[in-house]
Amino acid sequence: MKRSNINLLVCLNALLATRSVTRAAERLEMSQSGMSNALSRLRELTGDPLLVRSGNEFNLTERAQSIALKVRYGIELMDEIFANEGPLDLLETKATVTLAAADNIGLNYLPTLSHLLSDMAPGLVLNVRAPDPDHVKEWLSEGECDIAIGYFPEVHPDLRRISLYSQPMSCITARGSCPDLTLDTYIERPHVVFGSPFSPRSTLEQTLIHELKAIGHDRIRSVRVSSLLLIPYIVASSHHVATLPTWICERFSAHLPLDIWPVPFALADIETVMVWHERTHRLPLFVWLRELIRSIPPPPLTHQARDPGRSVLS
């Protein structure tokens, strides 16, 4: 293949993924005119317009849809071929990695991970974004992010995954505001939940809704927030209840007036997993980074939180 055709393949992959000349140019850090020229050349080579305008957007033609997967796999194959040349030199590595993780996950991993990266791979830039379970497969396969960590009950078969830890759930109320958190009290009280209309869907919240519906109940979800770490502060100053990972409850109860209660219905532990795509599976930098993340200990739990016989922690 001619070198120009390889460059055009990279441009084609970006155009098919973004459906936008502007966004494709931004992704590859090239000028918009350069990307427009690449699209013209691609149309000439394929004999197809590839992108057709529909209102203010572009749609893929049938030809573009039929070759999109082949183009993506071709790029992944080239990445794998070139990544295997030479040993990984972390001190000299210059790269940007994007991690998708909710703020409660980041609270456990990012302080340690950022410290390790600054010492071991100072040229590595780590970008962190909120995950979106509905788009995690698309993000990982198209390079919008490289690794996702979180609670993903349904992982697409095209993705690779490994379990990091399981975490029990607990409930919190303002200290002294609730004599006993029974199921009736839990249902009657207003709740603070993670997941505002402007934030990604919360798999944790969907699980709670599903388990409650299975026993014929629902909650009054009166406050929705886009950051899980805001919830303990709201609960500590109100009559609300929240259901959170136990380690989050314990961590914030050390600084806020909170009581911790067992969840008053059957709820399995939440499994936190790390997910990635075949695109980065064999790349030495990402192999090393995934192992580094796995080496970070899970969030600690106190002995009392594990004791089912204790009803409340103050």
C-alpha atoms as a PDB file:
ATOM      1  CA  MET A   1       0.000   0.000   0.000  1.00  0.00           C
ATOM      2  CA  LYS A   2       1.094   3.519  -0.667  1.00  0.00           C
ATOM      3  CA  ARG A   3       1.824   5.616   2.420  1.00  0.00           C
ATOM      4  CA  SER A   4      -0.829   8.133   1.291  1.00  0.00           C
ATOM      5  CA  ASN A   5      -3.444   5.374   1.315  1.00  0.00           C
ATOM      6  CA  ILE A   6      -2.528   4.409   4.879  1.00  0.00           C
ATOM      7  CA  ASN A   7      -2.973   8.041   5.938  1.00  0.00           C
ATOM      8  CA  LEU A   8      -6.308   8.105   4.148  1.00  0.00           C
ATOM      9  CA  LEU A   9      -7.377   4.972   6.009  1.00  0.00           C
ATOM     10  CA  VAL A  10      -6.728   6.758   9.309  1.00  0.00           C
ATOM     11  CA  CYS A  11      -8.768   9.733   8.095  1.00  0.00           C
ATOM     12  CA  LEU A  12     -11.555   7.433   6.904  1.00  0.00           C
ATOM     13  CA  ASN A  13     -11.749   5.763  10.319  1.00  0.00           C
ATOM     14  CA  ALA A  14     -12.070   9.141  12.037  1.00  0.00           C
ATOM     15  CA  LEU A  15     -14.712  10.338   9.562  1.00  0.00           C
ATOM     16  CA  LEU A  16     -16.824   7.202   9.938  1.00  0.00           C
ATOM     17  CA  ALA A  17     -16.571   7.320  13.731  1.00  0.00           C
ATOM     18  CA  THR A  18     -17.429  11.018  14.147  1.00  0.00           C
ATOM     19  CA  ARG A  19     -19.587  11.599  11.047  1.00  0.00           C
ATOM     20  CA  SER A  20     -18.097  15.076  10.969  1.00  0.00           C
ATOM     21  CA  VAL A  21     -15.231  16.663   9.056  1.00  0.00           C
ATOM     22  CA  THR A  22     -14.638  19.101  11.916  1.00  0.00           C
ATOM     23  CA  ARG A  23     -14.580  16.498  14.699  1.00  0.00           C
ATOM     24  CA  ALA A  24     -12.502  14.092  12.621  1.00  0.00           C
ATOM     25  CA  ALA A  25      -9.933  16.844  12.033  1.00  0.00           C
ATOM     26  CA  GLU A  26      -9.862  17.660  15.761  1.00  0.00           C
ATOM     27  CA  ARG A  27      -9.392  13.983  16.665  1.00  0.00           C
ATOM     28  CA  LEU A  28      -6.371  13.660  14.360  1.00  0.00           C
ATOM     29  CA  GLU A  29      -5.070  17.171  15.168  1.00  0.00           C
ATOM     30  CA  MET A  30      -5.116  18.288  11.540  1.00  0.00           C
ATOM     31  CA  SER A  31      -6.707  21.215   9.720  1.00  0.00           C
ATOM     32  CA  GLN A  32     -10.330  21.092   8.619  1.00  0.00           C
ATOM     33  CA  SER A  33      -9.288  21.832   5.047  1.00  0.00           C
ATOM     34  CA  GLY A  34      -6.869  18.907   5.162  1.00  0.00           C
ATOM     35  CA  MET A  35      -9.641  16.595   6.331  1.00  0.00           C
ATOM     36  CA  SER A  36     -11.973  17.927   3.616  1.00  0.00           C
ATOM     37  CA  ASN A  37      -9.315  17.136   1.026  1.00  0.00           C
ATOM     38  CA  ALA A  38      -8.942  13.646   2.492  1.00  0.00           C
ATOM     39  CA  LEU A  39     -12.722  13.110   2.247  1.00  0.00           C
ATOM     40  CA  SER A  40     -12.679  14.214  -1.408  1.00  0.00           C
ATOM     41  CA  ARG A  41      -9.870  11.775  -2.162  1.00  0.00           C
ATOM     42  CA  LEU A  42     -11.678   8.958  -0.300  1.00  0.00           C
ATOM     43  CA  ARG A  43     -14.848   9.610  -2.270  1.00  0.00           C
ATOM     44  CA  GLU A  44     -12.826   9.360  -5.457  1.00  0.00           C
ATOM     45  CA  LEU A  45     -11.130   6.102  -4.411  1.00  0.00           C
ATOM     46  CA  THR A  46     -14.311   4.391  -3.190  1.00  0.00           C
ATOM     47  CA  GLY A  47     -16.674   5.808  -5.796  1.00  0.00           C
ATOM     48  CA  ASP A  48     -19.099   6.666  -3.004  1.00  0.00           C
ATOM     49  CA  PRO A  49     -19.947   9.926  -1.160  1.00  0.00           C
ATOM     50  CA  LEU A  50     -19.494   8.122   2.222  1.00  0.00           C
ATOM     51  CA  LEU A  51     -21.032  11.033   4.194  1.00  0.00           C
ATOM     52  CA  VAL A  52     -24.263  12.684   3.048  1.00  0.00           C
ATOM     53  CA  ARG A  53     -25.800  15.756   4.632  1.00  0.00           C
ATOM     54  CA  SER A  54     -29.145  15.442   6.407  1.00  0.00           C
ATOM     55  CA  GLY A  55     -30.182  18.788   7.878  1.00  0.00           C
ATOM     56  CA  ASN A  56     -27.343  19.999  10.077  1.00  0.00           C
ATOM     57  CA  GLU A  57     -25.754  16.547  10.337  1.00  0.00           C
ATOM     58  CA  PHE A  58     -24.079  13.944   8.140  1.00  0.00           C
ATOM     59  CA  ASN A  59     -25.203  10.340   7.796  1.00  0.00           C
ATOM     60  CA  LEU A  60     -23.191   7.366   6.572  1.00  0.00           C
ATOM     61  CA  THR A  61     -24.076   5.898   3.196  1.00  0.00           C
ATOM     62  CA  GLU A  62     -24.771   2.170   2.907  1.00  0.00           C
ATOM     63  CA  ARG A  63     -21.275   1.710   1.486  1.00  0.00           C
ATOM     64  CA  ALA A  64     -19.743   3.568   4.448  1.00  0.00           C
ATOM     65  CA  GLN A  65     -21.721   1.468   6.932  1.00  0.00           C
ATOM     66  CA  SER A  66     -20.607  -1.760   5.246  1.00  0.00           C
ATOM     67  CA  ILE A  67     -16.883  -0.910   5.467  1.00  0.00           C
ATOM     68  CA  ALA A  68     -16.819   0.838   8.875  1.00  0.00           C
ATOM     69  CA  LEU A  69     -15.999  -2.306  10.853  1.00  0.00           C
ATOM     70  CA  LYS A  70     -13.309  -3.392   8.375  1.00  0.00           C
ATOM     71  CA  VAL A  71     -11.704   0.045   8.538  1.00  0.00           C
ATOM     72  CA  ARG A  72     -11.701   0.021  12.348  1.00  0.00           C
ATOM     73  CA  TYR A  73     -10.135  -3.448  12.486  1.00  0.00           C
ATOM     74  CA  GLY A  74      -7.542  -2.354   9.934  1.00  0.00           C
ATOM     75  CA  ILE A  75      -6.501   0.541  12.163  1.00  0.00           C
ATOM     76  CA  GLU A  76      -6.388  -1.741  15.212  1.00  0.00           C
ATOM     77  CA  LEU A  77      -4.183  -4.193  13.304  1.00  0.00           C
ATOM     78  CA  MET A  78      -1.751  -1.427  12.356  1.00  0.00           C
ATOM     79  CA  ASP A  79      -1.669  -0.227  15.971  1.00  0.00           C
ATOM     80  CA  GLU A  80      -0.831  -3.722  17.135  1.00  0.00           C
ATOM     81  CA  ILE A  81       1.894  -4.210  14.498  1.00  0.00           C
ATOM     82  CA  PHE A  82       3.701  -0.984  15.259  1.00  0.00           C
ATOM     83  CA  ALA A  83       3.229  -1.262  19.029  1.00  0.00           C
ATOM     84  CA  ASN A  84       5.262  -4.477  19.097  1.00  0.00           C
ATOM     85  CA  GLU A  85       8.406  -2.769  17.841  1.00  0.00           C
ATOM     86  CA  GLY A  86      10.866  -2.234  20.680  1.00  0.00           C
ATOM     87  CA  PRO A  87      10.536  -2.559  24.466  1.00  0.00           C
ATOM     88  CA  LEU A  88       8.369  -0.236  26.504  1.00  0.00           C
ATOM     89  CA  ASP A  89      10.407   2.615  28.020  1.00  0.00           C
ATOM     90  CA  LEU A  90       8.094   4.195  30.583  1.00  0.00           C
ATOM     91  CA  LEU A  91      10.421   7.088  31.412  1.00  0.00           C
ATOM     92  CA  GLU A  92      10.528   8.114  27.737  1.00  0.00           C
ATOM     93  CA  THR A  93       6.898   7.333  26.872  1.00  0.00           C
ATOM     94  CA  LYS A  94       4.823  10.311  25.688  1.00  0.00           C
ATOM     95  CA  ALA A  95       1.155   9.404  25.489  1.00  0.00           C
ATOM     96  CA  THR A  96      -2.351  10.328  26.600  1.00  0.00           C
ATOM     97  CA  VAL A  97      -4.637   7.754  28.195  1.00  0.00           C
ATOM     98  CA  THR A  98      -8.340   8.293  28.870  1.00  0.00           C
ATOM     99  CA  LEU A  99      -9.953   6.515  31.803  1.00  0.00           C
ATOM    100  CA  ALA A 100     -13.728   6.382  32.293  1.00  0.00           C
ATOM    101  CA  ALA A 101     -14.596   6.133  35.987  1.00  0.00           C
ATOM    102  CA  ALA A 102     -17.309   7.547  38.238  1.00  0.00           C
ATOM    103  CA  ASP A 103     -16.176   9.878  40.999  1.00  0.00           C
ATOM    104  CA  ASN A 104     -16.561   7.256  43.747  1.00  0.00           C
ATOM    105  CA  ILE A 105     -14.307   4.898  41.761  1.00  0.00           C
ATOM    106  CA  GLY A 106     -11.872   7.729  41.198  1.00  0.00           C
ATOM    107  CA  LEU A 107     -11.806   8.444  44.919  1.00  0.00           C
ATOM    108  CA  ASN A 108     -10.317   4.999  45.492  1.00  0.00           C
ATOM    109  CA  TYR A 109      -7.986   4.767  42.487  1.00  0.00           C
ATOM    110  CA  LEU A 110      -6.876   8.187  41.319  1.00  0.00           C
ATOM    111  CA  PRO A 111      -4.801   9.421  44.290  1.00  0.00           C
ATOM    112  CA  THR A 112      -2.620   6.303  44.188  1.00  0.00           C
ATOM    113  CA  LEU A 113      -2.645   5.963  40.402  1.00  0.00           C
ATOM    114  CA  SER A 114      -1.640   9.585  39.768  1.00  0.00           C
ATOM    115  CA  HIS A 115       1.219   9.274  42.260  1.00  0.00           C
ATOM    116  CA  LEU A 116       2.501   6.072  40.643  1.00  0.00           C
ATOM    117  CA  LEU A 117       2.263   7.497  37.130  1.00  0.00           C
ATOM    118  CA  SER A 118       4.174  10.662  38.045  1.00  0.00           C
ATOM    119  CA  ASP A 119       7.044   8.500  39.305  1.00  0.00           C
ATOM    120  CA  MET A 120       7.017   5.691  36.772  1.00  0.00           C
ATOM    121  CA  ALA A 121       5.752   7.325  33.549  1.00  0.00           C
ATOM    122  CA  PRO A 122       6.114  11.116  33.887  1.00  0.00           C
ATOM    123  CA  GLY A 123       5.337  11.695  30.200  1.00  0.00           C
ATOM    124  CA  LEU A 124       1.951  10.010  30.421  1.00  0.00           C
ATOM    125  CA  VAL A 125      -1.107  12.295  30.537  1.00  0.00           C
ATOM    126  CA  LEU A 126      -4.168  10.780  32.226  1.00  0.00           C
ATOM    127  CA  ASN A 127      -7.591  12.090  31.259  1.00  0.00           C
ATOM    128  CA  VAL A 128     -10.544  11.021  33.427  1.00  0.00           C
ATOM    129  CA  ARG A 129     -14.163  11.240  32.314  1.00  0.00           C
ATOM    130  CA  ALA A 130     -17.485  10.062  33.712  1.00  0.00           C
ATOM    131  CA  PRO A 131     -18.546   6.684  32.295  1.00  0.00           C
ATOM    132  CA  ASP A 132     -21.720   6.116  30.317  1.00  0.00           C
ATOM    133  CA  PRO A 133     -22.812   2.451  30.350  1.00  0.00           C
ATOM    134  CA  ASP A 134     -24.900   2.991  27.204  1.00  0.00           C
ATOM    135  CA  HIS A 135     -21.848   4.097  25.208  1.00  0.00           C
ATOM    136  CA  VAL A 136     -18.893   2.382  26.898  1.00  0.00           C
ATOM    137  CA  LYS A 137     -18.496  -0.157  24.079  1.00  0.00           C
ATOM    138  CA  GLU A 138     -18.543   2.578  21.459  1.00  0.00           C
ATOM    139  CA  TRP A 139     -16.095   4.745  23.414  1.00  0.00           C
ATOM    140  CA  LEU A 140     -13.611   1.920  23.942  1.00  0.00           C
ATOM    141  CA  SER A 141     -13.741   0.628  20.379  1.00  0.00           C
ATOM    142  CA  GLU A 142     -13.448   4.064  18.769  1.00  0.00           C
ATOM    143  CA  GLY A 143     -10.783   5.477  21.084  1.00  0.00           C
ATOM    144  CA  GLU A 144     -12.964   7.910  23.021  1.00  0.00           C
ATOM    145  CA  CYS A 145     -11.558   6.215  26.108  1.00  0.00           C
ATOM    146  CA  ASP A 146      -9.060   3.403  26.674  1.00  0.00           C
ATOM    147  CA  ILE A 147     -10.122   1.825  29.971  1.00  0.00           C
ATOM    148  CA  ALA A 148     -13.414   1.923  31.868  1.00  0.00           C
ATOM    149  CA  ILE A 149     -13.816   1.040  35.536  1.00  0.00           C
ATOM    150  CA  GLY A 150     -17.169   0.716  37.242  1.00  0.00           C
ATOM    151  CA  TYR A 151     -20.269  -1.348  37.796  1.00  0.00           C
ATOM    152  CA  PHE A 152     -21.209  -2.715  34.359  1.00  0.00           C
ATOM    153  CA  PRO A 153     -23.622  -5.655  34.830  1.00  0.00           C
ATOM    154  CA  GLU A 154     -23.856  -6.220  31.070  1.00  0.00           C
ATOM    155  CA  VAL A 155     -20.520  -6.063  29.250  1.00  0.00           C
ATOM    156  CA  HIS A 156     -20.618  -6.302  25.455  1.00  0.00           C
ATOM    157  CA  PRO A 157     -19.032  -9.557  24.176  1.00  0.00           C
ATOM    158  CA  ASP A 158     -16.581  -7.552  22.047  1.00  0.00           C
ATOM    159  CA  LEU A 159     -15.047  -6.112  25.213  1.00  0.00           C
ATOM    160  CA  ARG A 160     -12.594  -7.670  27.633  1.00  0.00           C
ATOM    161  CA  ARG A 161     -13.176  -7.415  31.370  1.00  0.00           C
ATOM    162  CA  ILE A 162     -11.686  -8.401  34.686  1.00  0.00           C
ATOM    163  CA  SER A 163     -13.176  -8.165  38.172  1.00  0.00           C
ATOM    164  CA  LEU A 164     -11.406  -5.776  40.552  1.00  0.00           C
ATOM    165  CA  TYR A 165     -13.461  -6.142  43.746  1.00  0.00           C
ATOM    166  CA  SER A 166     -16.990  -6.587  45.069  1.00  0.00           C
ATOM    167  CA  GLN A 167     -18.501  -4.097  47.469  1.00  0.00           C
ATOM    168  CA  PRO A 168     -21.489  -4.434  49.794  1.00  0.00           C
ATOM    169  CA  MET A 169     -24.081  -1.671  49.936  1.00  0.00           C
ATOM    170  CA  SER A 170     -25.350   0.247  52.944  1.00  0.00           C
ATOM    171  CA  CYS A 171     -27.789   3.045  53.706  1.00  0.00           C
ATOM    172  CA  ILE A 172     -27.093   6.388  55.382  1.00  0.00           C
ATOM    173  CA  THR A 173     -29.323   8.800  57.276  1.00  0.00           C
ATOM    174  CA  ALA A 174     -28.588  11.947  59.246  1.00  0.00           C
ATOM    175  CA  ARG A 175     -27.273  11.031  62.685  1.00  0.00           C
ATOM    176  CA  GLY A 176     -30.090  10.491  65.200  1.00  0.00           C
ATOM    177  CA  SER A 177     -32.849  11.175  62.661  1.00  0.00           C
ATOM    178  CA  CYS A 178     -33.986   7.563  62.344  1.00  0.00           C
ATOM    179  CA  PRO A 179     -34.485   5.134  65.259  1.00  0.00           C
ATOM    180  CA  ASP A 180     -34.451   2.084  62.974  1.00  0.00           C
ATOM    181  CA  LEU A 181     -34.261   1.774  59.183  1.00  0.00           C
ATOM    182  CA  THR A 182     -36.883  -0.853  58.403  1.00  0.00           C
ATOM    183  CA  LEU A 183     -38.135  -1.536  54.885  1.00  0.00           C
ATOM    184  CA  ASP A 184     -41.248   0.552  55.589  1.00  0.00           C
ATOM    185  CA  THR A 185     -39.132   3.477  56.777  1.00  0.00           C
ATOM    186  CA  TYR A 186     -36.866   3.078  53.768  1.00  0.00           C
ATOM    187  CA  ILE A 187     -39.826   3.253  51.377  1.00  0.00           C
ATOM    188  CA  GLU A 188     -41.543   6.157  53.158  1.00  0.00           C
ATOM    189  CA  ARG A 189     -38.512   8.450  53.372  1.00  0.00           C
ATOM    190  CA  PRO A 190     -37.342  10.614  50.456  1.00  0.00           C
ATOM    191  CA  HIS A 191     -34.127   9.460  48.770  1.00  0.00           C
ATOM    192  CA  VAL A 192     -31.088  11.127  47.260  1.00  0.00           C
ATOM    193  CA  VAL A 193     -29.908   9.209  44.197  1.00  0.00           C
ATOM    194  CA  PHE A 194     -27.066   9.347  41.709  1.00  0.00           C
ATOM    195  CA  GLY A 195     -28.180  10.255  38.195  1.00  0.00           C
ATOM    196  CA  SER A 196     -29.607  13.604  37.168  1.00  0.00           C
ATOM    197  CA  PRO A 197     -31.375  14.148  33.800  1.00  0.00           C
ATOM    198  CA  PHE A 198     -28.087  15.559  32.480  1.00  0.00           C
ATOM    199  CA  SER A 199     -25.769  12.747  33.644  1.00  0.00           C
ATOM    200  CA  PRO A 200     -25.185   9.246  32.245  1.00  0.00           C
ATOM    201  CA  ARG A 201     -27.481   6.420  33.284  1.00  0.00           C
ATOM    202  CA  SER A 202     -26.531   4.939  36.646  1.00  0.00           C
ATOM    203  CA  THR A 203     -26.309   1.126  36.589  1.00  0.00           C
ATOM    204  CA  LEU A 204     -26.312   1.144  40.383  1.00  0.00           C
ATOM    205  CA  GLU A 205     -29.571   3.082  40.494  1.00  0.00           C
ATOM    206  CA  GLN A 206     -31.120   0.787  37.879  1.00  0.00           C
ATOM    207  CA  THR A 207     -30.182  -2.226  39.999  1.00  0.00           C
ATOM    208  CA  LEU A 208     -31.830  -0.746  43.090  1.00  0.00           C
ATOM    209  CA  ILE A 209     -35.003   0.049  41.129  1.00  0.00           C
ATOM    210  CA  HIS A 210     -35.110  -3.483  39.728  1.00  0.00           C
ATOM    211  CA  GLU A 211     -34.599  -5.206  43.104  1.00  0.00           C
ATOM    212  CA  LEU A 212     -37.270  -3.102  44.786  1.00  0.00           C
ATOM    213  CA  LYS A 213     -39.764  -3.702  41.998  1.00  0.00           C
ATOM    214  CA  ALA A 214     -39.136  -7.424  42.383  1.00  0.00           C
ATOM    215  CA  ILE A 215     -40.571  -7.221  45.918  1.00  0.00           C
ATOM    216  CA  GLY A 216     -43.345  -4.809  44.923  1.00  0.00           C
ATOM    217  CA  HIS A 217     -41.885  -1.494  46.144  1.00  0.00           C
ATOM    218  CA  ASP A 218     -40.446   1.763  44.892  1.00  0.00           C
ATOM    219  CA  ARG A 219     -38.787   4.800  46.487  1.00  0.00           C
ATOM    220  CA  ILE A 220     -39.454   8.523  46.570  1.00  0.00           C
ATOM    221  CA  ARG A 221     -36.456   9.803  44.582  1.00  0.00           C
ATOM    222  CA  SER A 222     -36.742  13.457  45.479  1.00  0.00           C
ATOM    223  CA  VAL A 223     -33.157  14.592  44.809  1.00  0.00           C
ATOM    224  CA  ARG A 224     -31.028  13.519  41.842  1.00  0.00           C
ATOM    225  CA  VAL A 225     -27.395  14.574  41.550  1.00  0.00           C
ATOM    226  CA  SER A 226     -24.700  14.029  38.934  1.00  0.00           C
ATOM    227  CA  SER A 227     -21.957  13.441  41.534  1.00  0.00           C
ATOM    228  CA  LEU A 228     -22.226  10.556  43.961  1.00  0.00           C
ATOM    229  CA  LEU A 229     -19.890  12.352  46.376  1.00  0.00           C
ATOM    230  CA  LEU A 230     -22.499  15.079  46.973  1.00  0.00           C
ATOM    231  CA  ILE A 231     -24.988  12.608  48.394  1.00  0.00           C
ATOM    232  CA  PRO A 232     -23.561  12.196  51.943  1.00  0.00           C
ATOM    233  CA  TYR A 233     -23.531  15.971  52.446  1.00  0.00           C
ATOM    234  CA  ILE A 234     -27.194  16.253  51.434  1.00  0.00           C
ATOM    235  CA  VAL A 235     -28.240  13.340  53.654  1.00  0.00           C
ATOM    236  CA  ALA A 236     -26.339  14.700  56.679  1.00  0.00           C
ATOM    237  CA  SER A 237     -28.441  17.889  56.572  1.00  0.00           C
ATOM    238  CA  SER A 238     -31.869  16.424  55.779  1.00  0.00           C
ATOM    239  CA  HIS A 239     -34.337  13.596  56.400  1.00  0.00           C
ATOM    240  CA  HIS A 240     -33.303  11.817  53.225  1.00  0.00           C
ATOM    241  CA  VAL A 241     -31.967   8.286  52.847  1.00  0.00           C
ATOM    242  CA  ALA A 242     -29.288   7.175  50.394  1.00  0.00           C
ATOM    243  CA  THR A 243     -28.023   3.740  49.352  1.00  0.00           C
ATOM    244  CA  LEU A 244     -24.306   3.726  48.583  1.00  0.00           C
ATOM    245  CA  PRO A 245     -21.280   1.432  48.607  1.00  0.00           C
ATOM    246  CA  THR A 246     -20.473   0.671  52.238  1.00  0.00           C
ATOM    247  CA  TRP A 247     -16.935   2.015  52.025  1.00  0.00           C
ATOM    248  CA  ILE A 248     -18.262   5.383  50.829  1.00  0.00           C
ATOM    249  CA  CYS A 249     -20.693   5.454  53.753  1.00  0.00           C
ATOM    250  CA  GLU A 250     -17.878   4.675  56.199  1.00  0.00           C
ATOM    251  CA  ARG A 251     -15.512   7.203  54.724  1.00  0.00           C
ATOM    252  CA  PHE A 252     -17.977  10.073  54.939  1.00  0.00           C
ATOM    253  CA  SER A 253     -19.400   9.067  58.325  1.00  0.00           C
ATOM    254  CA  ALA A 254     -15.952   9.815  59.777  1.00  0.00           C
ATOM    255  CA  HIS A 255     -16.423  13.489  58.851  1.00  0.00           C
ATOM    256  CA  LEU A 256     -20.188  14.008  58.689  1.00  0.00           C
ATOM    257  CA  PRO A 257     -23.021  13.307  61.191  1.00  0.00           C
ATOM    258  CA  LEU A 258     -24.278  10.107  59.550  1.00  0.00           C
ATOM    259  CA  ASP A 259     -25.684   6.780  60.710  1.00  0.00           C
ATOM    260  CA  ILE A 260     -24.978   3.702  58.597  1.00  0.00           C
ATOM    261  CA  TRP A 261     -27.593   0.968  58.224  1.00  0.00           C
ATOM    262  CA  PRO A 262     -27.821  -2.386  56.455  1.00  0.00           C
ATOM    263  CA  VAL A 263     -29.943  -2.294  53.308  1.00  0.00           C
ATOM    264  CA  PRO A 264     -33.388  -3.479  54.503  1.00  0.00           C
ATOM    265  CA  PHE A 265     -33.951  -5.879  51.587  1.00  0.00           C
ATOM    266  CA  ALA A 266     -31.926  -8.497  49.744  1.00  0.00           C
ATOM    267  CA  LEU A 267     -29.257  -6.846  47.608  1.00  0.00           C
ATOM    268  CA  ALA A 268     -26.200  -8.613  46.219  1.00  0.00           C
ATOM    269  CA  ASP A 269     -22.734  -7.052  46.433  1.00  0.00           C
ATOM    270  CA  ILE A 270     -21.841  -4.742  43.569  1.00  0.00           C
ATOM    271  CA  GLU A 271     -18.974  -5.974  41.380  1.00  0.00           C
ATOM    272  CA  THR A 272     -16.516  -3.361  40.134  1.00  0.00           C
ATOM    273  CA  VAL A 273     -14.849  -4.373  36.873  1.00  0.00           C
ATOM    274  CA  MET A 274     -12.203  -3.015  34.512  1.00  0.00           C
ATOM    275  CA  VAL A 275     -13.209  -3.088  30.842  1.00  0.00           C
ATOM    276  CA  TRP A 276     -11.185  -2.527  27.687  1.00  0.00           C
ATOM    277  CA  HIS A 277     -11.291  -3.265  23.957  1.00  0.00           C
ATOM    278  CA  GLU A 278      -9.242  -5.562  21.763  1.00  0.00           C
ATOM    279  CA  ARG A 279      -7.879  -2.359  20.209  1.00  0.00           C
ATOM    280  CA  THR A 280      -5.566  -1.864  23.206  1.00  0.00           C
ATOM    281  CA  HIS A 281      -5.432  -5.412  24.552  1.00  0.00           C
ATOM    282  CA  ARG A 282      -1.877  -6.215  23.409  1.00  0.00           C
ATOM    283  CA  LEU A 283      -0.373  -2.728  23.394  1.00  0.00           C
ATOM    284  CA  PRO A 284       2.499  -2.813  25.932  1.00  0.00           C
ATOM    285  CA  LEU A 285       1.623   0.535  27.518  1.00  0.00           C
ATOM    286  CA  PHE A 286      -1.958  -0.529  28.211  1.00  0.00           C
ATOM    287  CA  VAL A 287      -0.971  -3.999  29.396  1.00  0.00           C
ATOM    288  CA  TRP A 288       1.298  -2.323  31.941  1.00  0.00           C
ATOM    289  CA  LEU A 289      -1.326   0.253  32.936  1.00  0.00           C
ATOM    290  CA  ARG A 290      -4.030  -2.357  33.503  1.00  0.00           C
ATOM    291  CA  GLU A 291      -1.693  -4.349  35.742  1.00  0.00           C
ATOM    292  CA  LEU A 292      -0.832  -1.168  37.636  1.00  0.00           C
ATOM    293  CA  ILE A 293      -4.527  -0.475  38.257  1.00  0.00           C
ATOM    294  CA  ARG A 294      -5.048  -4.063  39.420  1.00  0.00           C
ATOM    295  CA  SER A 295      -2.239  -3.648  41.948  1.00  0.00           C
ATOM    296  CA  ILE A 296      -4.088  -0.834  43.750  1.00  0.00           C
ATOM    297  CA  PRO A 297      -5.929  -2.271  46.800  1.00  0.00           C
ATOM    298  CA  PRO A 298      -9.732  -2.122  46.906  1.00  0.00           C
ATOM    299  CA  PRO A 299     -11.383   0.324  49.293  1.00  0.00           C
ATOM    300  CA  PRO A 300     -11.143  -0.812  52.931  1.00  0.00           C
ATOM    301  CA  LEU A 301     -14.089  -1.861  55.042  1.00  0.00           C
ATOM    302  CA  THR A 302     -14.254  -1.835  58.838  1.00  0.00           C
ATOM    303  CA  HIS A 303     -14.996  -4.981  60.785  1.00  0.00           C
ATOM    304  CA  GLN A 304     -18.326  -3.552  61.947  1.00  0.00           C
ATOM    305  CA  ALA A 305     -19.497  -2.956  58.368  1.00  0.00           C
ATOM    306  CA  ARG A 306     -19.024  -6.622  57.586  1.00  0.00           C
ATOM    307  CA  ASP A 307     -20.902  -7.753  60.686  1.00  0.00           C
ATOM    308  CA  PRO A 308     -24.537  -8.480  59.733  1.00  0.00           C
ATOM    309  CA  GLY A 309     -25.499  -8.538  63.398  1.00  0.00           C
ATOM    310  CA  ARG A 310     -24.810  -4.837  63.877  1.00  0.00           C
ATOM    311  CA  SER A 311     -27.721  -2.660  62.767  1.00  0.00           C
ATOM    312  CA  VAL A 312     -26.225   0.827  62.889  1.00  0.00           C
ATOM    313  CA  LEU A 313     -22.846   2.536  62.880  1.00  0.00           C
ATOM    314  CA  SER A 314     -22.587   6.035  64.296  1.00  0.00           C
END
